[in-house]
Amino acid sequence: MRVGVILAGLFVAAQGLWAADCARTQTGFLPLDDPFFPRNYLGFRGGLYPDGANQRPAAHEAAGLRLAAEVRPRNAAGAPDDSNGRIVLLSIGMSNATQEFSAFQALAARDPEINPSLTLVDGAQGGWSADRLVADGTAYWATVDQRLRAGGVTAAQVQAVWLKEADAGPSRRFPEDARQLQGELRTIVLTLRSRYPNLRLVYLASRIYGGYAASSLNPEPYAYQSGFAVKWLIEQQIQGDPELPWLSWGPYLWADGTEARPDGLMWNCEDLAEDGTHPSVAGRQKVARMLLQFFKGDTTARPWFARRGPAPSKPAALAMVNAASFAPQVTPGSIATLYGSDLAPWAVSAELPLPTSLAGTRVLVGGVPALLYYVSPGQVNLVLPKAPLGAEVIVRRESEASEPMSAQLAIYAPGLFASGGRAAALHEDGRPIAPSDPARHGETIQLFFTGAGVRNPLSLRPDILPVVRIGGVSVPVDYSGGAPGYPGLDQINAVVLPEVPTGDAVPVTIEFAAERSNAAWLSIG
């Protein structure tokens, strides 16, 4: 036990003792919420929730909504006081948690959408790993009490908690390491329930990417496997553990290094501090944005986290089209544009990683939330889920929902992005192709499109290579795949053969399995 306490005490102090190993850019693990999670990881199923699902079960969601409705401003004694009371969202955890939550506090303080009755208190503290906190947390909880007093609030006003913990120096084999953390998290949650009588909602997080870690504090695979501890504890509560309060995932923070998730999340070496374990300033901001997006958008958090506005109008979804070609056929994983009325209260664009809710607007495709680039009253730009459970499209705006409409889902529906008819195309060095700077014969150019379709890695269907025609000439393709950093955007690198005609309006098209894109224009010199 003493060794664990010593290791935990070094959790923060050791940040400057090791240099991150920036060569470890990937582990090969799939995020737990990947829609094509393999059949198991070392014998255990993925998904954030039971049965491999990434959305809360319906009964669990309903219970969360009921509890969210009970979160309201309270006075120091805990009695409801809508005029002068406070709602406290408290963070609990170790060094990573306090660094990330502090950045989140700063973002939230500048956001006009935040409920003015809300107080954010950072109770997380450096050095307090889960094993240490469970062994003897007396000093930890005394500091939390002091921070509540400093914030002008009381334990009776704490109604929601964000909990992020890990063990220092884990060494057990999986699943024993995750089971140990699961048990420690359960003990911490029970302590929360006893200390905060009006606690309604507990949101949990697991670690960010630990592949760059050059020390034994919490490297991979333990950072990844901590997600199973959270998953299993939430499942334990869903399956009826009577002692636990309502538990849910907050934002899921793990991505496989530089391998971008469908929402665009990735962890570059500069996102981590010198030890490769704690987030750098850039990494803290990344988590802070995800926390802000989550609490402003989650169905169980937005009702008390965001400022209440006028009752929303019922949205109307009228048409969905390919965002590049404007054809009605769209593919899973592609960028689409949805037109309608009263889709959102105002126009707002998202930052990466993309959220599933913006300004209270969500789009469900086959029951699965779509990632959102942009929302406005008349238009939504979104990324269709990679594995929708159907073609039905519903727009939800706060408590209002549109009548369902059907998307025309296709296996392939390529659409070239263009402006004024000119293809969105770049030279090999990244310069835009234009009449004043045309593509040259022999050059490899970059074309951008959407609608290449999604291949389930568990299926045996082979990849379909695109056919690219410039001026009617089929040209070689050096690369076809995702455009780095932009969810739903695809890229082709194609060689301009000498046979391609010259001119300021040479047509270019792409095809997948005989499905042809719209034609756009290129300048060839």
Protein backbone atom coordinates (compact mmCIF):
# COMPACT_ATOMS: atom_id res chain seq x y z
CA MET A 1 0.00 0.00 0.00
CA ARG A 2 2.83 2.39 0.90
CA VAL A 3 4.42 1.93 -2.55
CA GLY A 4 1.15 2.92 -4.23
CA VAL A 5 0.91 6.07 -2.10
CA ILE A 6 4.48 7.06 -2.95
CA LEU A 7 3.85 6.53 -6.66
CA ALA A 8 0.67 8.59 -6.46
CA GLY A 9 2.55 11.42 -4.78
CA LEU A 10 4.93 11.46 -7.73
CA PHE A 11 2.06 11.71 -10.23
CA VAL A 12 2.56 15.47 -10.61
CA ALA A 13 6.14 15.93 -9.46
CA ALA A 14 7.44 13.54 -12.08
CA GLN A 15 6.19 15.57 -15.05
CA GLY A 16 9.57 17.10 -15.73
CA LEU A 17 11.66 13.97 -15.09
CA TRP A 18 11.02 12.15 -18.36
CA ALA A 19 10.83 13.26 -21.95
CA ALA A 20 7.86 12.19 -24.06
CA ASP A 21 8.53 9.54 -26.68
CA CYS A 22 7.01 11.24 -29.72
CA ALA A 23 7.67 8.19 -31.91
CA ARG A 24 4.79 6.28 -30.29
CA THR A 25 2.10 7.85 -32.42
CA GLN A 26 -0.32 4.88 -32.36
CA THR A 27 -1.08 1.70 -30.42
CA GLY A 28 -3.43 0.00 -32.86
CA PHE A 29 -6.28 -0.05 -30.30
CA LEU A 30 -9.71 1.10 -31.41
CA PRO A 31 -11.55 3.67 -29.25
CA LEU A 32 -14.31 2.07 -27.21
CA ASP A 33 -16.92 4.08 -29.11
CA ASP A 34 -15.70 3.09 -32.57
CA PRO A 35 -18.77 1.97 -34.57
CA PHE A 36 -16.79 -1.01 -35.89
CA PHE A 37 -15.19 -2.11 -32.65
CA PRO A 38 -13.84 -5.63 -33.15
CA ARG A 39 -15.61 -8.55 -31.58
CA ASN A 40 -13.63 -8.04 -28.40
CA TYR A 41 -10.50 -6.59 -26.82
CA LEU A 42 -8.66 -9.41 -25.03
CA GLY A 43 -12.01 -11.13 -24.60
CA PHE A 44 -14.11 -8.08 -23.63
CA ARG A 45 -16.63 -6.19 -25.74
CA GLY A 46 -16.34 -2.49 -26.54
CA GLY A 47 -18.98 0.21 -26.69
CA LEU A 48 -19.51 2.81 -23.99
CA TYR A 49 -22.69 1.18 -22.70
CA PRO A 50 -24.05 -2.38 -22.40
CA ASP A 51 -24.36 -4.63 -25.46
CA GLY A 52 -21.75 -2.65 -27.40
CA ALA A 53 -23.94 0.47 -27.61
CA ASN A 54 -22.59 4.01 -27.64
CA GLN A 55 -25.82 5.68 -26.57
CA ARG A 56 -27.45 5.33 -23.18
CA PRO A 57 -30.14 2.63 -22.94
CA ALA A 58 -33.63 4.15 -23.16
CA ALA A 59 -34.51 3.50 -19.53
CA HIS A 60 -31.19 4.92 -18.35
CA GLU A 61 -31.68 8.01 -20.50
CA ALA A 62 -35.19 8.49 -19.09
CA ALA A 63 -33.88 8.19 -15.54
CA GLY A 64 -31.19 10.78 -16.29
CA LEU A 65 -33.74 13.19 -17.71
CA ARG A 66 -35.89 12.85 -14.60
CA LEU A 67 -32.91 13.56 -12.36
CA ALA A 68 -31.78 16.47 -14.54
CA ALA A 69 -35.20 18.05 -13.99
CA GLU A 70 -34.51 17.95 -10.24
CA VAL A 71 -31.28 19.94 -10.61
CA ARG A 72 -32.17 23.51 -9.69
CA PRO A 73 -30.70 26.46 -7.79
CA ARG A 74 -30.50 25.73 -4.05
CA ASN A 75 -29.58 27.82 -1.03
CA ALA A 76 -26.73 26.98 1.33
CA ALA A 77 -28.91 24.53 3.24
CA GLY A 78 -29.95 22.76 0.04
CA ALA A 79 -33.50 24.06 -0.20
CA PRO A 80 -34.73 25.14 -3.67
CA ASP A 81 -34.15 28.85 -4.28
CA ASP A 82 -34.64 29.86 -7.90
CA SER A 83 -33.89 33.53 -7.18
CA ASN A 84 -30.59 33.38 -5.30
CA GLY A 85 -29.57 29.73 -5.15
CA ARG A 86 -26.68 27.99 -6.87
CA ILE A 87 -26.11 24.81 -8.87
CA VAL A 88 -22.63 23.35 -8.30
CA LEU A 89 -20.83 21.18 -10.84
CA LEU A 90 -17.82 19.73 -9.00
CA SER A 91 -14.76 18.01 -10.47
CA ILE A 92 -13.13 15.12 -8.64
CA GLY A 93 -9.89 13.45 -9.63
CA MET A 94 -6.14 13.64 -10.03
CA SER A 95 -3.68 15.99 -11.72
CA ASN A 96 -4.93 15.52 -15.29
CA ALA A 97 -8.46 16.21 -14.10
CA THR A 98 -7.61 19.49 -12.34
CA GLN A 99 -5.55 20.72 -15.29
CA GLU A 100 -8.36 19.99 -17.73
CA PHE A 101 -11.21 21.20 -15.55
CA SER A 102 -9.39 24.47 -14.80
CA ALA A 103 -9.14 25.13 -18.54
CA PHE A 104 -12.83 24.25 -18.85
CA GLN A 105 -13.71 26.74 -16.11
CA ALA A 106 -11.95 29.50 -18.04
CA LEU A 107 -13.81 28.65 -21.27
CA ALA A 108 -17.17 28.45 -19.51
CA ALA A 109 -16.62 31.81 -17.79
CA ARG A 110 -16.52 33.49 -21.22
CA ASP A 111 -19.51 31.63 -22.69
CA PRO A 112 -22.77 33.63 -22.74
CA GLU A 113 -24.83 30.41 -22.99
CA ILE A 114 -23.93 29.25 -19.48
CA ASN A 115 -26.61 29.28 -16.77
CA PRO A 116 -25.89 32.27 -14.49
CA SER A 117 -26.93 30.17 -11.46
CA LEU A 118 -24.14 27.66 -12.14
CA THR A 119 -20.91 27.50 -10.12
CA LEU A 120 -18.02 25.34 -11.30
CA VAL A 121 -15.74 24.14 -8.50
CA ASP A 122 -12.52 22.28 -9.24
CA GLY A 123 -12.10 19.69 -6.52
CA ALA A 124 -9.55 17.62 -8.46
CA GLN A 125 -6.02 17.71 -7.07
CA GLY A 126 -2.56 16.73 -8.27
CA GLY A 127 -1.08 13.58 -6.82
CA TRP A 128 -4.39 12.05 -5.77
CA SER A 129 -4.63 8.92 -7.90
CA ALA A 130 -7.58 6.60 -7.33
CA ASP A 131 -5.65 4.12 -5.19
CA ARG A 132 -4.34 6.87 -2.92
CA LEU A 133 -7.72 8.56 -2.60
CA VAL A 134 -9.35 5.29 -1.58
CA ALA A 135 -6.55 4.39 0.86
CA ASP A 136 -6.91 7.61 2.89
CA GLY A 137 -8.69 10.59 1.37
CA THR A 138 -9.05 12.69 4.53
CA ALA A 139 -6.75 15.47 3.35
CA TYR A 140 -8.22 15.33 -0.15
CA TRP A 141 -11.81 15.86 0.98
CA ALA A 142 -10.73 18.62 3.37
CA THR A 143 -9.30 20.51 0.37
CA VAL A 144 -12.51 19.95 -1.59
CA ASP A 145 -14.47 21.45 1.31
CA GLN A 146 -12.14 24.44 1.36
CA ARG A 147 -12.58 25.00 -2.37
CA LEU A 148 -16.35 24.86 -2.04
CA ARG A 149 -16.17 27.52 0.70
CA ALA A 150 -13.85 29.64 -1.47
CA GLY A 151 -16.45 29.44 -4.25
CA GLY A 152 -19.15 30.70 -1.92
CA VAL A 153 -21.09 27.44 -2.06
CA THR A 154 -21.80 24.43 0.15
CA ALA A 155 -21.90 20.66 -0.09
CA ALA A 156 -25.70 20.85 -0.16
CA GLN A 157 -25.53 22.74 -3.48
CA VAL A 158 -23.41 20.11 -5.28
CA GLN A 159 -25.76 18.40 -7.72
CA ALA A 160 -23.47 17.14 -10.49
CA VAL A 161 -19.91 15.76 -10.54
CA TRP A 162 -17.33 15.16 -13.25
CA LEU A 163 -15.07 12.32 -12.07
CA LYS A 164 -11.79 11.39 -13.76
CA GLU A 165 -9.33 9.09 -12.04
CA ALA A 166 -6.54 6.62 -12.75
CA ASP A 167 -4.03 4.57 -10.80
CA ALA A 168 -0.38 5.58 -10.54
CA GLY A 169 2.10 2.97 -11.70
CA PRO A 170 -0.37 0.24 -12.67
CA SER A 171 1.21 -3.15 -13.27
CA ARG A 172 -1.56 -5.75 -13.22
CA ARG A 173 -2.53 -7.54 -16.39
CA PHE A 174 -5.83 -6.79 -18.06
CA PRO A 175 -8.58 -7.13 -16.93
CA GLU A 176 -7.30 -7.08 -13.33
CA ASP A 177 -5.95 -3.53 -13.72
CA ALA A 178 -9.32 -2.25 -14.96
CA ARG A 179 -11.24 -4.24 -12.33
CA GLN A 180 -9.11 -2.70 -9.60
CA LEU A 181 -9.81 0.80 -10.92
CA GLN A 182 -13.50 -0.03 -11.27
CA GLY A 183 -13.65 -0.95 -7.60
CA GLU A 184 -11.81 2.22 -6.58
CA LEU A 185 -14.12 4.37 -8.68
CA ARG A 186 -17.12 2.72 -7.05
CA THR A 187 -15.74 3.56 -3.60
CA ILE A 188 -15.19 7.19 -4.66
CA VAL A 189 -18.72 7.44 -6.06
CA LEU A 190 -20.18 6.07 -2.83
CA THR A 191 -18.20 8.72 -0.94
CA LEU A 192 -19.64 11.39 -3.23
CA ARG A 193 -23.15 10.15 -2.54
CA SER A 194 -22.61 10.32 1.22
CA ARG A 195 -20.98 13.76 1.18
CA TYR A 196 -23.39 15.53 -1.19
CA PRO A 197 -27.03 14.91 -0.26
CA ASN A 198 -28.43 16.61 -3.38
CA LEU A 199 -26.12 14.87 -5.84
CA ARG A 200 -28.15 13.77 -8.85
CA LEU A 201 -25.77 13.11 -11.75
CA VAL A 202 -22.21 11.75 -11.96
CA TYR A 203 -20.36 11.92 -15.29
CA LEU A 204 -17.18 9.87 -15.63
CA ALA A 205 -14.13 10.04 -17.86
CA SER A 206 -11.18 7.79 -18.58
CA ARG A 207 -7.66 8.79 -19.60
CA ILE A 208 -6.45 10.59 -22.69
CA TYR A 209 -3.86 8.89 -24.95
CA GLY A 210 -0.84 7.62 -23.05
CA GLY A 211 1.31 6.30 -25.88
CA TYR A 212 3.87 9.10 -25.64
CA ALA A 213 4.53 8.39 -21.96
CA ALA A 214 8.16 7.61 -21.18
CA SER A 215 7.52 6.75 -17.53
CA SER A 216 5.49 4.15 -15.67
CA LEU A 217 2.99 6.66 -14.21
CA ASN A 218 0.11 5.68 -16.50
CA PRO A 219 1.29 4.62 -19.95
CA GLU A 220 -0.43 2.51 -22.56
CA PRO A 221 -2.13 0.12 -22.48
CA TYR A 222 -3.30 1.24 -19.03
CA ALA A 223 -4.56 4.64 -20.19
CA TYR A 224 -6.70 2.89 -22.80
CA GLN A 225 -7.82 0.12 -20.45
CA SER A 226 -9.00 2.65 -17.86
CA GLY A 227 -11.95 3.13 -20.21
CA PHE A 228 -13.13 -0.39 -19.41
CA ALA A 229 -13.14 0.46 -15.69
CA VAL A 230 -15.51 3.36 -16.38
CA LYS A 231 -17.61 1.32 -18.80
CA TRP A 232 -18.01 -1.56 -16.35
CA LEU A 233 -18.88 0.70 -13.41
CA ILE A 234 -21.59 2.45 -15.43
CA GLU A 235 -22.92 -0.94 -16.54
CA GLN A 236 -22.94 -2.04 -12.90
CA GLN A 237 -25.20 0.89 -12.01
CA ILE A 238 -27.44 0.37 -15.05
CA GLN A 239 -27.84 -3.30 -14.15
CA GLY A 240 -29.18 -2.41 -10.73
CA ASP A 241 -26.47 -1.75 -8.13
CA PRO A 242 -28.74 -0.03 -5.57
CA GLU A 243 -25.96 1.86 -3.80
CA LEU A 244 -24.75 3.79 -6.82
CA PRO A 245 -26.21 7.12 -8.00
CA TRP A 246 -26.99 7.67 -11.66
CA LEU A 247 -23.77 7.33 -13.67
CA SER A 248 -22.96 8.21 -17.25
CA TRP A 249 -20.05 8.84 -19.55
CA GLY A 250 -19.06 12.45 -19.99
CA PRO A 251 -17.00 13.05 -23.13
CA TYR A 252 -14.90 10.02 -24.05
CA LEU A 253 -11.37 11.43 -24.29
CA TRP A 254 -9.21 8.61 -25.70
CA ALA A 255 -8.08 8.50 -29.31
CA ASP A 256 -5.25 6.44 -30.75
CA GLY A 257 -2.62 9.15 -30.99
CA THR A 258 -2.44 10.61 -34.47
CA GLU A 259 -5.13 8.23 -35.82
CA ALA A 260 -8.13 10.56 -35.93
CA ARG A 261 -11.45 9.38 -34.56
CA PRO A 262 -14.59 9.91 -36.69
CA ASP A 263 -15.19 13.21 -34.82
CA GLY A 264 -11.66 14.44 -35.59
CA LEU A 265 -10.12 13.90 -32.15
CA MET A 266 -6.45 12.98 -32.21
CA TRP A 267 -3.56 13.35 -29.79
CA ASN A 268 -0.34 14.79 -31.20
CA CYS A 269 2.82 14.73 -29.11
CA GLU A 270 2.58 18.50 -28.53
CA ASP A 271 -0.79 17.92 -26.85
CA LEU A 272 1.07 16.22 -23.99
CA ALA A 273 3.51 17.68 -21.47
CA GLU A 274 7.16 16.66 -21.26
CA ASP A 275 6.34 13.43 -19.44
CA GLY A 276 3.90 12.32 -22.17
CA THR A 277 1.28 11.64 -19.49
CA HIS A 278 -0.18 14.99 -18.48
CA PRO A 279 -1.83 17.30 -21.03
CA SER A 280 0.08 20.34 -22.26
CA VAL A 281 -1.66 23.69 -22.50
CA ALA A 282 -2.88 22.66 -25.96
CA GLY A 283 -4.11 19.32 -24.62
CA ARG A 284 -5.93 20.95 -21.72
CA GLN A 285 -7.72 23.24 -24.15
CA LYS A 286 -8.72 20.24 -26.26
CA VAL A 287 -10.33 18.51 -23.28
CA ALA A 288 -11.86 21.80 -22.07
CA ARG A 289 -13.62 22.25 -25.43
CA MET A 290 -14.94 18.70 -25.27
CA LEU A 291 -16.25 19.27 -21.75
CA LEU A 292 -17.95 22.51 -22.77
CA GLN A 293 -19.50 20.89 -25.83
CA PHE A 294 -20.70 17.96 -23.74
CA PHE A 295 -22.33 19.91 -20.93
CA LYS A 296 -23.94 22.37 -23.35
CA GLY A 297 -25.26 19.56 -25.54
CA ASP A 298 -25.94 16.43 -23.50
CA THR A 299 -29.64 15.82 -22.94
CA THR A 300 -29.18 15.33 -19.20
CA ALA A 301 -26.81 18.29 -18.71
CA ARG A 302 -28.03 21.07 -20.98
CA PRO A 303 -31.29 21.68 -19.04
CA TRP A 304 -29.34 22.95 -15.99
CA PHE A 305 -25.96 23.85 -17.49
CA ALA A 306 -27.12 26.22 -20.24
CA ARG A 307 -29.02 29.46 -19.85
CA ARG A 308 -32.73 29.03 -20.44
CA GLY A 309 -34.11 30.82 -23.45
CA PRO A 310 -37.58 31.09 -24.94
CA ALA A 311 -39.32 27.84 -25.75
CA PRO A 312 -38.03 26.58 -29.12
CA SER A 313 -40.22 26.23 -32.17
CA LYS A 314 -40.76 22.77 -33.58
CA PRO A 315 -38.06 22.17 -36.22
CA ALA A 316 -38.99 21.01 -39.72
CA ALA A 317 -36.54 18.85 -41.69
CA LEU A 318 -37.30 19.20 -45.40
CA ALA A 319 -34.41 17.77 -47.42
CA MET A 320 -30.96 16.23 -47.03
CA VAL A 321 -28.38 16.32 -49.83
CA ASN A 322 -24.73 15.53 -50.48
CA ALA A 323 -22.86 18.64 -49.27
CA ALA A 324 -20.63 18.68 -52.35
CA SER A 325 -22.82 17.59 -55.28
CA PHE A 326 -26.22 18.57 -53.78
CA ALA A 327 -27.55 15.25 -55.09
CA PRO A 328 -30.11 13.53 -52.84
CA GLN A 329 -27.99 10.39 -52.38
CA VAL A 330 -25.77 10.40 -49.27
CA THR A 331 -23.50 7.79 -47.74
CA PRO A 332 -22.73 6.89 -44.13
CA GLY A 333 -19.65 8.76 -42.95
CA SER A 334 -20.06 11.53 -45.54
CA ILE A 335 -20.77 15.25 -45.20
CA ALA A 336 -24.38 16.18 -45.87
CA THR A 337 -26.45 19.35 -45.79
CA LEU A 338 -29.88 19.35 -44.20
CA TYR A 339 -32.37 22.07 -45.13
CA GLY A 340 -35.46 23.03 -43.19
CA SER A 341 -36.91 25.64 -40.87
CA ASP A 342 -36.44 26.39 -37.16
CA LEU A 343 -33.56 23.91 -37.11
CA ALA A 344 -31.55 25.97 -34.58
CA PRO A 345 -31.95 29.25 -32.68
CA TRP A 346 -28.98 30.93 -34.41
CA ALA A 347 -26.01 30.21 -36.66
CA VAL A 348 -22.95 28.65 -35.05
CA SER A 349 -19.96 26.62 -36.27
CA ALA A 350 -18.25 23.86 -34.31
CA GLU A 351 -14.61 23.28 -33.47
CA LEU A 352 -12.82 19.95 -33.61
CA PRO A 353 -13.52 17.41 -32.33
CA LEU A 354 -16.99 17.78 -33.74
CA PRO A 355 -19.90 17.62 -31.28
CA THR A 356 -23.27 15.94 -31.72
CA SER A 357 -25.09 19.00 -30.35
CA LEU A 358 -24.81 22.69 -31.23
CA ALA A 359 -26.98 25.42 -29.69
CA GLY A 360 -29.32 22.71 -28.44
CA THR A 361 -29.74 21.13 -31.89
CA ARG A 362 -29.12 17.45 -32.54
CA VAL A 363 -29.67 15.39 -35.71
CA LEU A 364 -30.40 11.69 -35.38
CA VAL A 365 -29.88 9.46 -38.40
CA GLY A 366 -31.27 6.01 -37.84
CA GLY A 367 -31.33 6.82 -34.15
CA VAL A 368 -27.60 7.62 -34.04
CA PRO A 369 -26.46 11.23 -33.40
CA ALA A 370 -24.69 12.88 -36.33
CA LEU A 371 -21.58 15.00 -35.92
CA LEU A 372 -22.27 18.66 -36.58
CA TYR A 373 -20.13 21.17 -38.46
CA TYR A 374 -22.66 24.01 -38.53
CA VAL A 375 -26.23 24.78 -37.54
CA SER A 376 -28.54 27.68 -38.37
CA PRO A 377 -32.31 28.16 -38.51
CA GLY A 378 -32.46 27.00 -42.13
CA GLN A 379 -29.45 24.73 -42.61
CA VAL A 380 -27.34 22.11 -40.85
CA ASN A 381 -24.04 20.74 -42.15
CA LEU A 382 -23.35 17.35 -40.64
CA VAL A 383 -21.39 14.12 -40.90
CA LEU A 384 -23.64 11.10 -41.20
CA PRO A 385 -22.92 8.32 -38.67
CA LYS A 386 -20.67 5.60 -40.06
CA ALA A 387 -23.11 2.94 -38.91
CA PRO A 388 -26.65 4.37 -38.77
CA LEU A 389 -29.36 1.99 -37.67
CA GLY A 390 -31.71 3.15 -40.44
CA ALA A 391 -32.44 6.01 -42.82
CA GLU A 392 -34.87 7.99 -40.65
CA VAL A 393 -33.72 11.57 -39.95
CA ILE A 394 -35.04 13.54 -36.96
CA VAL A 395 -33.92 16.97 -35.79
CA ARG A 396 -34.19 17.55 -32.05
CA ARG A 397 -34.11 21.07 -30.69
CA GLU A 398 -34.24 21.02 -26.91
CA SER A 399 -37.49 19.15 -26.15
CA GLU A 400 -38.95 19.64 -29.64
CA ALA A 401 -38.49 17.14 -32.47
CA SER A 402 -39.17 17.34 -36.19
CA GLU A 403 -41.34 14.90 -38.05
CA PRO A 404 -39.13 12.12 -39.39
CA MET A 405 -37.92 12.21 -42.97
CA SER A 406 -35.99 9.60 -44.92
CA ALA A 407 -32.45 10.02 -46.17
CA GLN A 408 -31.52 8.39 -49.47
CA LEU A 409 -28.65 6.27 -48.19
CA ALA A 410 -26.34 4.75 -50.78
CA ILE A 411 -23.17 2.66 -50.62
CA TYR A 412 -21.32 5.18 -52.79
CA ALA A 413 -22.35 8.72 -53.63
CA PRO A 414 -19.22 10.70 -54.55
CA GLY A 415 -19.51 14.47 -54.75
CA LEU A 416 -16.67 16.84 -55.68
CA PHE A 417 -16.40 20.05 -53.69
CA ALA A 418 -16.30 23.09 -55.91
CA SER A 419 -16.74 26.85 -55.72
CA GLY A 420 -18.32 28.60 -58.66
CA GLY A 421 -17.99 25.34 -60.56
CA ARG A 422 -14.23 25.14 -59.97
CA ALA A 423 -12.97 22.07 -58.16
CA ALA A 424 -11.54 22.47 -54.69
CA ALA A 425 -8.07 21.35 -55.75
CA LEU A 426 -4.52 21.94 -54.62
CA HIS A 427 -1.08 21.64 -56.11
CA GLU A 428 1.27 19.10 -54.56
CA ASP A 429 2.71 21.78 -52.26
CA GLY A 430 -0.73 22.94 -51.10
CA ARG A 431 -1.23 25.98 -53.35
CA PRO A 432 -4.77 26.36 -54.72
CA ILE A 433 -5.15 25.49 -58.40
CA ALA A 434 -6.53 28.52 -60.26
CA PRO A 435 -6.52 30.01 -63.77
CA SER A 436 -3.54 32.12 -62.72
CA ASP A 437 -1.77 29.05 -61.30
CA PRO A 438 -2.96 25.99 -63.27
CA ALA A 439 -2.04 22.36 -62.75
CA ARG A 440 0.79 21.10 -64.94
CA HIS A 441 1.24 17.86 -66.81
CA GLY A 442 3.06 15.28 -64.73
CA GLU A 443 2.00 16.94 -61.47
CA THR A 444 0.16 15.15 -58.66
CA ILE A 445 -2.82 17.22 -57.55
CA GLN A 446 -5.18 16.94 -54.58
CA LEU A 447 -8.95 16.74 -55.09
CA PHE A 448 -11.49 16.91 -52.25
CA PHE A 449 -14.84 15.18 -52.15
CA THR A 450 -17.24 13.29 -49.91
CA GLY A 451 -19.32 10.15 -50.30
CA ALA A 452 -16.69 7.42 -50.72
CA GLY A 453 -18.69 5.13 -48.49
CA VAL A 454 -17.67 3.31 -45.34
CA ARG A 455 -16.05 -0.08 -45.25
CA ASN A 456 -16.69 -2.15 -42.15
CA PRO A 457 -13.27 -3.64 -41.34
CA LEU A 458 -15.01 -6.77 -40.04
CA SER A 459 -16.53 -7.44 -43.47
CA LEU A 460 -14.83 -9.20 -46.35
CA ARG A 461 -15.89 -6.63 -48.95
CA PRO A 462 -12.78 -5.38 -50.79
CA ASP A 463 -11.97 -1.70 -51.10
CA ILE A 464 -13.21 -0.05 -54.30
CA LEU A 465 -10.59 2.07 -56.00
CA PRO A 466 -11.83 5.32 -57.53
CA VAL A 467 -11.66 6.18 -61.20
CA VAL A 468 -10.60 9.78 -61.84
CA ARG A 469 -11.11 11.37 -65.24
CA ILE A 470 -9.64 14.76 -66.15
CA GLY A 471 -10.74 16.03 -69.55
CA GLY A 472 -12.09 12.53 -70.24
CA VAL A 473 -8.71 10.91 -69.57
CA SER A 474 -8.48 8.29 -66.84
CA VAL A 475 -5.51 9.24 -64.66
CA PRO A 476 -3.50 7.33 -62.01
CA VAL A 477 -4.48 7.69 -58.36
CA ASP A 478 -1.67 7.80 -55.77
CA TYR A 479 -3.92 8.11 -52.72
CA SER A 480 -7.60 7.83 -51.90
CA GLY A 481 -8.80 8.20 -48.32
CA GLY A 482 -9.73 10.58 -45.58
CA ALA A 483 -8.49 14.15 -45.64
CA PRO A 484 -6.52 14.52 -42.40
CA GLY A 485 -8.27 16.63 -39.78
CA TYR A 486 -11.68 16.96 -41.44
CA PRO A 487 -14.33 14.37 -40.52
CA GLY A 488 -16.30 13.14 -43.52
CA LEU A 489 -13.99 14.81 -46.05
CA ASP A 490 -12.22 12.56 -48.57
CA GLN A 491 -9.13 13.24 -50.65
CA ILE A 492 -7.71 11.88 -53.88
CA ASN A 493 -4.18 12.51 -55.11
CA ALA A 494 -4.19 12.11 -58.88
CA VAL A 495 -1.49 12.46 -61.54
CA VAL A 496 -2.16 14.85 -64.46
CA LEU A 497 -1.07 12.80 -67.48
CA PRO A 498 0.40 14.47 -70.60
CA GLU A 499 -2.73 13.39 -72.55
CA VAL A 500 -4.98 15.59 -70.40
CA PRO A 501 -6.13 18.63 -72.43
CA THR A 502 -5.19 22.13 -71.33
CA GLY A 503 -7.57 24.98 -70.62
CA ASP A 504 -9.25 26.97 -67.88
CA ALA A 505 -12.33 24.72 -67.65
CA VAL A 506 -11.20 21.12 -68.03
CA PRO A 507 -13.84 18.80 -66.51
CA VAL A 508 -12.93 16.40 -63.71
CA THR A 509 -15.07 13.59 -62.29
CA ILE A 510 -14.57 10.67 -59.93
CA GLU A 511 -16.32 7.31 -59.86
CA PHE A 512 -16.80 4.57 -57.28
CA ALA A 513 -18.29 1.33 -58.60
CA ALA A 514 -19.88 3.16 -61.58
CA GLU A 515 -21.35 5.86 -59.30
CA ARG A 516 -20.12 9.10 -60.84
CA SER A 517 -19.72 12.45 -59.10
CA ASN A 518 -20.77 15.85 -60.31
CA ALA A 519 -18.38 17.45 -62.81
CA ALA A 520 -16.17 20.31 -61.67
CA TRP A 521 -13.63 22.41 -63.56
CA LEU A 522 -9.85 22.48 -63.39
CA SER A 523 -7.31 24.85 -64.88
CA ILE A 524 -4.65 22.83 -66.71
CA GLY A 525 -1.66 24.68 -68.17
